[in-house]
Amino acid sequence: MTGSVSRHLPEGAVAWLRTPGAIRERAGAILRHVENGESPWFGLDANGLEVAVQATLRVVRERFPDPRSIPFHARWRHFVVAGRDRWHALDATLDGVSDVERARIRVELAITSVLLDAGAGAEWRYRDAATGERIGRSEGLALASFELYRRGGFAADPKRPLRADAAAMERFDASTLALAFQVFPHNPLVGLAGRAGLIASLGATVRARPDLFGEEARLGNLFDALAARAVDGRLPARAILAVLLDAFSVVWPSWLEIGGMPLGDVWRHPAAQARDLTDGLVPFHKLSQWLAYSLVEPLEQAGIVVTDLDDLTGLPEYRNGGLFVDCGALRVKHRELLERSWSPGSEPIVEWRALTVCLLDQLAGHVRLHLGLDAATLPLAKVLEGGTWLAGRRLAAERRAGGGPPIVIDSDGTVF
């Protein structure tokens, strides 16, 4: 049940699938499926999990002598490249801008950047005008999207560039994105059309929801909608995710629906059994959770305390998932898994992602024990940043040319 609404009814089923509790419950069902030896794809290895814990601890100790100083895993980290913090530099120019308007700008920057953040592919690079460096993957995507926003790429009025307006986003297309992201035949970007489509769909959504984005149809007004839900200046992380999934449920491509309502990043797996409309369904909401993590700092800068951050799950994407495969915590049963590419909805990929959610919770507990810290001091969002994501990236670089994941996923630029 979600409140008093039954999962036998479409509204109740969809509402439940949008909760972090649903993500963990269904991921746990798949974990038990694997533990019982029923999976044709994966086995579990406790020794391999300890290898992953130690790999994460090495990265944490190298980067953060005081682990209590680890920041949240958020898009803001990718705006720091070669020692240059692009957001900090932009923020310093906002003289006379109120804290609320500053928060609206940060919300817009985070949302547009995260929507453009799915894996870039091994070949794409962005040439940074400030340094002349050619930067790939998440950092390159972050810089490209940052510059696109800073130059008014989402603004309806060129004289007011630091805005994301429905009118401008609705016109956004693949050619605009290709120009901004320096995409050429010799510099291809995975999922170009899919990314551009997300921005255009975002614009249509902003226009259609004045309750969240105001009559002026500005994306940054989502800050005001979130702030209105705070009680005594405190806002639970799950409430941020709920608003994001409500606001953007029609933005994400959706392969499944219940009662005509799109489910987004929700997939099927035979181990996820239930006697209601959620039977067989496994939710992840990876990009929405990544976005929720990325909105914590804008909210807190504006004076709103975000609570219960560990209600959100770890991010089931290829860096975290790759860490567990490369360390042997997940034992691949068939070479086929490593020798071909797979669609996001295929059974082994859904299973891999669900196991990643569960193993990240387990790994976080082990890391805290090693460091002598509790969940309040070292929440999951800091373990990811400290952390698992970079440990997974480093292992991938050591083991495979180009640093790709151990299991290849066909991406359209909208899920991973």
Protein backbone atom coordinates (compact mmCIF):
# COMPACT_ATOMS: atom_id res chain seq x y z
CA MET A 1 0.00 0.00 0.00
CA THR A 2 1.00 3.63 -0.49
CA GLY A 3 -0.94 5.49 2.19
CA SER A 4 -4.49 4.22 1.82
CA VAL A 5 -4.26 3.63 -1.95
CA SER A 6 -4.17 -0.01 -3.05
CA ARG A 7 -1.54 -1.31 -5.45
CA HIS A 8 -4.42 -3.08 -7.17
CA LEU A 9 -5.41 0.35 -8.49
CA PRO A 10 -3.29 2.11 -11.15
CA GLU A 11 -2.72 5.27 -9.08
CA GLY A 12 -1.60 3.29 -6.05
CA ALA A 13 0.65 0.98 -8.05
CA VAL A 14 2.40 3.88 -9.78
CA ALA A 15 2.74 5.84 -6.53
CA TRP A 16 4.37 2.85 -4.82
CA LEU A 17 6.78 2.20 -7.69
CA ARG A 18 8.02 5.78 -7.31
CA THR A 19 9.24 5.25 -3.73
CA PRO A 20 12.77 4.33 -2.60
CA GLY A 21 11.18 1.57 -0.53
CA ALA A 22 9.85 -0.05 -3.69
CA ILE A 23 13.30 0.09 -5.28
CA ARG A 24 14.89 -1.68 -2.33
CA GLU A 25 12.06 -4.20 -1.94
CA ARG A 26 12.20 -5.36 -5.55
CA ALA A 27 16.01 -5.29 -5.64
CA GLY A 28 15.95 -7.45 -2.51
CA ALA A 29 13.69 -9.99 -4.20
CA ILE A 30 16.20 -10.31 -7.03
CA LEU A 31 19.06 -10.61 -4.54
CA ARG A 32 17.30 -13.56 -2.88
CA HIS A 33 16.73 -15.06 -6.34
CA VAL A 34 20.49 -14.96 -6.94
CA GLU A 35 21.38 -16.12 -3.41
CA ASN A 36 19.17 -19.17 -3.96
CA GLY A 37 21.13 -20.08 -7.07
CA GLU A 38 18.12 -19.49 -9.34
CA SER A 39 19.76 -16.94 -11.63
CA PRO A 40 21.27 -18.08 -14.93
CA TRP A 41 23.31 -14.86 -15.05
CA PHE A 42 25.02 -14.07 -11.74
CA GLY A 43 26.34 -15.59 -8.55
CA LEU A 44 27.49 -13.80 -5.39
CA ASP A 45 30.90 -13.92 -3.72
CA ALA A 46 31.45 -12.45 -0.24
CA ASN A 47 35.21 -12.32 -0.81
CA GLY A 48 34.64 -10.26 -3.91
CA LEU A 49 32.50 -7.84 -1.91
CA GLU A 50 35.39 -7.32 0.49
CA VAL A 51 37.64 -6.62 -2.51
CA ALA A 52 35.16 -3.92 -3.56
CA VAL A 53 35.13 -2.51 -0.02
CA GLN A 54 38.92 -2.28 0.01
CA ALA A 55 39.00 -0.70 -3.45
CA THR A 56 36.54 1.93 -2.22
CA LEU A 57 38.52 2.55 0.97
CA ARG A 58 41.73 3.09 -1.01
CA VAL A 59 40.05 5.79 -3.06
CA VAL A 60 38.48 7.40 0.02
CA ARG A 61 41.77 7.51 1.96
CA GLU A 62 43.66 8.88 -1.03
CA ARG A 63 41.19 11.69 -1.71
CA PHE A 64 39.85 12.47 1.76
CA PRO A 65 42.26 12.10 4.71
CA ASP A 66 39.28 13.12 6.84
CA PRO A 67 36.37 11.07 5.47
CA ARG A 68 33.93 13.33 7.29
CA SER A 69 34.78 15.98 4.67
CA ILE A 70 33.50 13.91 1.73
CA PRO A 71 30.88 15.91 -0.19
CA PHE A 72 27.65 14.47 -1.54
CA HIS A 73 27.69 12.52 -4.79
CA ALA A 74 26.15 15.18 -7.01
CA ARG A 75 26.47 16.89 -10.36
CA TRP A 76 28.39 19.74 -8.72
CA ARG A 77 31.49 17.57 -8.39
CA HIS A 78 31.72 17.27 -12.19
CA PHE A 79 31.82 21.04 -12.56
CA VAL A 80 35.25 20.97 -10.89
CA VAL A 81 37.82 20.10 -13.56
CA ALA A 82 41.59 20.65 -13.41
CA GLY A 83 41.15 22.44 -10.10
CA ARG A 84 38.69 24.97 -11.56
CA ASP A 85 35.24 25.07 -9.94
CA ARG A 86 32.98 26.42 -12.69
CA TRP A 87 29.91 26.88 -10.50
CA HIS A 88 31.93 28.72 -7.82
CA ALA A 89 33.29 31.08 -10.48
CA LEU A 90 29.81 31.76 -11.89
CA ASP A 91 28.33 32.17 -8.42
CA ALA A 92 30.93 34.83 -7.64
CA THR A 93 29.58 36.96 -10.50
CA LEU A 94 26.00 36.99 -9.17
CA ASP A 95 26.30 40.23 -7.22
CA GLY A 96 22.98 41.43 -5.88
CA VAL A 97 21.20 38.18 -6.75
CA SER A 98 18.96 36.94 -3.93
CA ASP A 99 19.45 33.55 -2.31
CA VAL A 100 16.13 32.38 -3.80
CA GLU A 101 17.08 33.42 -7.34
CA ARG A 102 20.51 31.84 -6.88
CA ALA A 103 18.76 28.62 -5.86
CA ARG A 104 16.52 28.77 -8.94
CA ILE A 105 19.61 29.12 -11.14
CA ARG A 106 21.29 26.15 -9.45
CA VAL A 107 18.17 24.02 -9.79
CA GLU A 108 18.00 24.80 -13.52
CA LEU A 109 21.68 24.09 -14.03
CA ALA A 110 21.47 20.79 -12.14
CA ILE A 111 18.34 19.55 -13.93
CA THR A 112 19.44 20.40 -17.47
CA SER A 113 22.92 19.02 -16.85
CA VAL A 114 21.67 15.77 -15.34
CA LEU A 115 19.23 15.23 -18.21
CA LEU A 116 22.20 15.48 -20.58
CA ASP A 117 24.42 13.26 -18.44
CA ALA A 118 23.86 9.71 -19.72
CA GLY A 119 27.04 7.92 -20.84
CA ALA A 120 28.89 9.78 -23.61
CA GLY A 121 30.64 6.79 -25.16
CA ALA A 122 34.39 6.21 -25.31
CA GLU A 123 35.16 8.45 -28.32
CA TRP A 124 33.49 11.77 -27.51
CA ARG A 125 35.49 14.68 -26.09
CA TYR A 126 34.64 18.30 -25.25
CA ARG A 127 37.31 20.94 -25.78
CA ASP A 128 37.29 23.29 -22.81
CA ALA A 129 37.87 26.84 -24.03
CA ALA A 130 39.26 27.88 -20.64
CA THR A 131 42.07 25.31 -20.56
CA GLY A 132 42.30 23.89 -24.08
CA GLU A 133 41.87 20.40 -22.65
CA ARG A 134 39.74 17.78 -24.39
CA ILE A 135 37.63 16.14 -21.71
CA GLY A 136 35.37 13.10 -22.07
CA ARG A 137 32.73 11.19 -20.16
CA SER A 138 30.86 12.75 -17.23
CA GLU A 139 33.23 15.67 -16.72
CA GLY A 140 33.11 16.60 -20.39
CA LEU A 141 29.32 16.35 -20.44
CA ALA A 142 29.16 18.49 -17.29
CA LEU A 143 31.34 21.24 -18.78
CA ALA A 144 29.46 21.19 -22.08
CA SER A 145 26.08 21.46 -20.36
CA PHE A 146 27.38 24.11 -17.96
CA GLU A 147 28.56 26.30 -20.83
CA LEU A 148 25.31 25.73 -22.71
CA TYR A 149 23.33 26.97 -19.71
CA ARG A 150 25.71 29.85 -18.93
CA ARG A 151 25.46 31.16 -22.49
CA GLY A 152 21.66 31.19 -22.36
CA GLY A 153 21.07 27.99 -24.30
CA PHE A 154 17.79 27.36 -22.44
CA ALA A 155 16.70 30.99 -21.98
CA ALA A 156 13.86 32.62 -23.91
CA ASP A 157 15.36 36.11 -23.47
CA PRO A 158 19.05 36.53 -24.51
CA LYS A 159 19.31 39.44 -22.08
CA ARG A 160 18.49 37.09 -19.21
CA PRO A 161 20.70 34.07 -20.00
CA LEU A 162 20.69 32.34 -16.60
CA ARG A 163 17.23 30.83 -17.00
CA ALA A 164 15.65 27.70 -18.39
CA ASP A 165 12.32 28.64 -19.97
CA ALA A 166 9.76 26.34 -21.55
CA ALA A 167 9.68 28.42 -24.74
CA ALA A 168 13.40 27.88 -25.39
CA MET A 169 13.56 24.26 -24.28
CA GLU A 170 10.62 23.25 -26.47
CA ARG A 171 12.61 24.41 -29.53
CA PHE A 172 15.71 22.47 -28.52
CA ASP A 173 16.82 19.88 -31.09
CA ALA A 174 19.68 17.55 -31.98
CA SER A 175 21.45 20.10 -34.20
CA THR A 176 21.49 22.63 -31.36
CA LEU A 177 22.91 20.04 -29.00
CA ALA A 178 25.48 18.86 -31.54
CA LEU A 179 26.78 22.41 -31.98
CA ALA A 180 26.98 23.05 -28.24
CA PHE A 181 28.59 19.69 -27.48
CA GLN A 182 31.05 19.82 -30.40
CA VAL A 183 29.66 16.68 -32.02
CA PHE A 184 31.17 15.81 -35.40
CA PRO A 185 31.65 12.56 -37.35
CA HIS A 186 35.11 12.22 -35.77
CA ASN A 187 33.71 13.14 -32.31
CA PRO A 188 30.46 11.15 -31.96
CA LEU A 189 28.23 11.39 -28.88
CA VAL A 190 26.09 8.40 -27.92
CA GLY A 191 22.35 9.11 -27.88
CA LEU A 192 22.45 12.62 -29.37
CA ALA A 193 18.81 12.63 -30.49
CA GLY A 194 17.61 11.05 -27.24
CA ARG A 195 19.29 13.73 -25.14
CA ALA A 196 17.89 16.57 -27.24
CA GLY A 197 14.46 14.98 -27.02
CA LEU A 198 14.67 14.98 -23.22
CA ILE A 199 15.24 18.74 -23.17
CA ALA A 200 12.36 19.41 -25.58
CA SER A 201 10.11 17.15 -23.52
CA LEU A 202 11.24 18.94 -20.37
CA GLY A 203 10.15 22.24 -21.91
CA ALA A 204 6.69 20.87 -22.72
CA THR A 205 6.36 19.56 -19.17
CA VAL A 206 7.38 22.89 -17.62
CA ARG A 207 4.69 24.61 -19.69
CA ALA A 208 2.04 22.04 -18.76
CA ARG A 209 2.60 22.21 -14.96
CA PRO A 210 2.04 25.75 -13.67
CA ASP A 211 1.45 24.24 -10.23
CA LEU A 212 5.17 23.40 -10.12
CA PHE A 213 6.77 25.85 -12.55
CA GLY A 214 4.53 28.92 -12.34
CA GLU A 215 2.64 30.78 -15.01
CA GLU A 216 5.92 32.03 -16.47
CA ALA A 217 6.85 28.40 -17.19
CA ARG A 218 10.35 28.61 -15.74
CA LEU A 219 12.17 25.45 -14.67
CA GLY A 220 13.82 27.15 -11.68
CA ASN A 221 10.46 27.69 -10.05
CA LEU A 222 10.67 24.06 -8.99
CA PHE A 223 12.79 25.38 -6.13
CA ASP A 224 9.78 27.32 -4.86
CA ALA A 225 7.59 24.23 -5.11
CA LEU A 226 10.11 22.20 -3.09
CA ALA A 227 10.60 24.96 -0.52
CA ALA A 228 6.83 25.10 0.01
CA ARG A 229 6.90 21.44 1.06
CA ALA A 230 9.50 22.00 3.79
CA VAL A 231 8.25 21.90 7.39
CA ASP A 232 10.14 24.10 9.84
CA GLY A 233 12.87 24.46 7.23
CA ARG A 234 13.35 20.69 6.84
CA LEU A 235 12.60 18.58 3.76
CA PRO A 236 12.99 14.76 3.57
CA ALA A 237 15.00 13.48 0.62
CA ARG A 238 12.16 11.15 -0.35
CA ALA A 239 9.91 14.21 -0.76
CA ILE A 240 12.39 15.66 -3.28
CA LEU A 241 12.32 12.41 -5.25
CA ALA A 242 8.52 12.28 -5.12
CA VAL A 243 8.24 15.78 -6.58
CA LEU A 244 10.80 15.00 -9.28
CA LEU A 245 9.02 11.82 -10.33
CA ASP A 246 5.68 13.60 -10.35
CA ALA A 247 7.06 16.55 -12.29
CA PHE A 248 9.08 14.64 -14.85
CA SER A 249 7.27 11.32 -15.23
CA VAL A 250 6.36 12.21 -18.81
CA VAL A 251 9.84 13.52 -19.65
CA TRP A 252 11.69 10.23 -19.44
CA PRO A 253 11.07 7.71 -22.22
CA SER A 254 8.91 4.97 -20.76
CA TRP A 255 8.77 1.40 -21.95
CA LEU A 256 6.06 0.39 -19.49
CA GLU A 257 2.78 1.93 -18.33
CA ILE A 258 0.08 1.23 -15.78
CA GLY A 259 -3.34 2.66 -16.53
CA GLY A 260 -1.85 4.91 -19.19
CA MET A 261 0.65 6.38 -16.70
CA PRO A 262 4.30 6.11 -17.82
CA LEU A 263 6.62 4.39 -15.36
CA GLY A 264 10.00 5.70 -16.56
CA ASP A 265 13.05 3.76 -15.33
CA VAL A 266 11.05 0.65 -14.38
CA TRP A 267 11.64 -2.79 -15.91
CA ARG A 268 10.53 -6.42 -15.74
CA HIS A 269 12.20 -9.35 -14.00
CA PRO A 270 10.64 -12.76 -13.21
CA ALA A 271 11.84 -12.70 -9.59
CA ALA A 272 9.86 -9.53 -8.79
CA GLN A 273 6.57 -11.23 -8.04
CA ALA A 274 3.49 -9.65 -6.49
CA ARG A 275 -0.26 -10.23 -6.52
CA ASP A 276 -1.15 -6.76 -7.76
CA LEU A 277 -0.47 -4.41 -10.67
CA THR A 278 3.23 -4.17 -9.76
CA ASP A 279 3.82 -7.87 -10.49
CA GLY A 280 7.14 -8.40 -12.24
CA LEU A 281 8.14 -4.72 -12.08
CA VAL A 282 11.49 -3.42 -10.81
CA PRO A 283 11.91 0.36 -10.35
CA PHE A 284 15.28 2.15 -10.30
CA HIS A 285 14.73 5.86 -11.16
CA LYS A 286 18.48 6.28 -11.51
CA LEU A 287 18.58 9.70 -13.14
CA SER A 288 15.81 11.02 -10.90
CA GLN A 289 17.73 9.93 -7.78
CA TRP A 290 20.96 11.39 -9.19
CA LEU A 291 19.03 14.61 -9.65
CA ALA A 292 17.61 14.43 -6.12
CA TYR A 293 21.16 14.11 -4.75
CA SER A 294 22.18 17.06 -6.92
CA LEU A 295 19.43 19.31 -5.54
CA VAL A 296 20.51 18.88 -1.92
CA GLU A 297 23.18 21.59 -2.08
CA PRO A 298 21.02 24.24 -3.81
CA LEU A 299 18.31 23.66 -1.22
CA GLU A 300 20.70 23.78 1.70
CA GLN A 301 22.42 26.91 0.36
CA ALA A 302 18.98 28.53 0.46
CA GLY A 303 18.51 27.51 4.10
CA ILE A 304 16.46 24.30 3.73
CA VAL A 305 17.84 21.28 5.60
CA VAL A 306 17.48 18.02 3.65
CA THR A 307 16.86 15.07 5.98
CA ASP A 308 16.81 11.26 5.70
CA LEU A 309 19.20 11.22 2.76
CA ASP A 310 19.80 7.49 3.13
CA ASP A 311 16.19 6.83 2.16
CA LEU A 312 17.43 7.22 -1.42
CA THR A 313 19.29 4.26 -2.89
CA GLY A 314 22.68 3.92 -4.46
CA LEU A 315 22.74 4.64 -8.18
CA PRO A 316 22.37 1.50 -10.31
CA GLU A 317 24.61 2.54 -13.19
CA TYR A 318 27.57 1.00 -14.92
CA ARG A 319 30.36 2.47 -12.72
CA ASN A 320 28.92 1.16 -9.47
CA GLY A 321 27.72 -2.05 -11.11
CA GLY A 322 31.05 -2.49 -12.86
CA LEU A 323 32.88 -2.23 -9.53
CA PHE A 324 31.09 -5.34 -8.26
CA VAL A 325 31.71 -7.33 -11.43
CA ASP A 326 35.38 -6.33 -11.68
CA CYS A 327 36.00 -7.08 -8.00
CA GLY A 328 34.27 -10.47 -8.22
CA ALA A 329 31.40 -9.66 -5.84
CA LEU A 330 29.15 -10.51 -8.78
CA ARG A 331 30.28 -13.67 -10.52
CA VAL A 332 29.25 -13.81 -14.18
CA LYS A 333 27.97 -17.29 -15.01
CA HIS A 334 28.10 -17.04 -18.82
CA ARG A 335 30.76 -15.44 -21.00
CA GLU A 336 27.96 -14.23 -23.29
CA LEU A 337 27.22 -11.52 -20.73
CA LEU A 338 30.66 -10.00 -21.37
CA GLU A 339 30.85 -10.61 -25.11
CA ARG A 340 27.81 -8.78 -26.53
CA SER A 341 25.75 -5.68 -25.81
CA TRP A 342 22.40 -5.73 -24.01
CA SER A 343 19.31 -3.54 -23.98
CA PRO A 344 18.44 -1.76 -20.71
CA GLY A 345 15.31 -3.89 -20.34
CA SER A 346 17.00 -7.26 -20.80
CA GLU A 347 16.84 -9.63 -17.85
CA PRO A 348 20.60 -9.67 -17.07
CA ILE A 349 20.83 -5.86 -17.06
CA VAL A 350 17.79 -5.46 -14.79
CA GLU A 351 19.30 -8.09 -12.51
CA TRP A 352 22.74 -6.44 -12.55
CA ARG A 353 21.24 -3.09 -11.60
CA ALA A 354 19.10 -4.56 -8.81
CA LEU A 355 22.08 -6.38 -7.33
CA THR A 356 24.05 -3.13 -7.50
CA VAL A 357 21.42 -1.39 -5.36
CA CYS A 358 21.64 -4.12 -2.71
CA LEU A 359 25.42 -4.44 -2.73
CA LEU A 360 25.91 -0.68 -2.42
CA ASP A 361 23.92 -0.76 0.83
CA GLN A 362 26.06 -3.64 2.09
CA LEU A 363 29.32 -2.02 0.99
CA ALA A 364 28.39 1.27 2.68
CA GLY A 365 27.92 -0.55 5.97
CA HIS A 366 31.36 -2.20 5.68
CA VAL A 367 33.05 1.08 4.73
CA ARG A 368 31.55 2.83 7.77
CA LEU A 369 32.80 0.05 10.05
CA HIS A 370 36.33 0.35 8.66
CA LEU A 371 36.29 4.13 9.08
CA GLY A 372 34.55 4.13 12.48
CA LEU A 373 31.73 6.35 11.25
CA ASP A 374 27.95 6.06 11.38
CA ALA A 375 25.34 6.60 8.68
CA ALA A 376 24.60 10.13 9.88
CA THR A 377 28.23 11.14 9.39
CA LEU A 378 28.84 9.07 6.25
CA PRO A 379 25.53 8.66 4.39
CA LEU A 380 25.31 6.57 1.26
CA ALA A 381 25.60 9.69 -0.93
CA LYS A 382 29.08 10.29 0.51
CA VAL A 383 30.14 6.65 0.13
CA LEU A 384 29.22 6.90 -3.56
CA GLU A 385 31.30 10.06 -3.93
CA GLY A 386 34.15 8.88 -1.75
CA GLY A 387 33.85 6.33 -3.27
CA THR A 388 32.43 3.57 -5.28
CA TRP A 389 31.95 5.55 -8.50
CA LEU A 390 35.64 6.44 -8.87
CA ALA A 391 36.79 2.98 -7.73
CA GLY A 392 34.60 1.48 -10.48
CA ARG A 393 36.00 3.90 -13.07
CA ARG A 394 39.62 3.15 -12.12
CA LEU A 395 39.14 -0.60 -12.27
CA ALA A 396 37.47 -0.25 -15.67
CA ALA A 397 40.43 1.78 -16.96
CA GLU A 398 42.87 -0.83 -15.70
CA ARG A 399 41.03 -3.78 -17.22
CA ARG A 400 39.64 -2.55 -20.54
CA ALA A 401 40.90 -0.28 -23.29
CA GLY A 402 38.80 2.87 -23.21
CA GLY A 403 37.65 2.24 -19.64
CA GLY A 404 34.23 0.93 -20.61
CA PRO A 405 32.03 -1.21 -18.33
CA PRO A 406 32.48 -5.00 -18.10
CA ILE A 407 28.94 -5.49 -19.44
CA VAL A 408 27.99 -3.35 -22.42
CA ILE A 409 24.58 -1.67 -22.52
CA ASP A 410 22.98 -0.27 -25.66
CA SER A 411 22.28 3.31 -24.62
CA ASP A 412 20.03 5.89 -26.25
CA GLY A 413 21.31 8.61 -23.93
CA THR A 414 18.25 8.61 -21.66
CA VAL A 415 18.81 5.88 -19.02
CA PHE A 416 22.51 5.59 -18.26
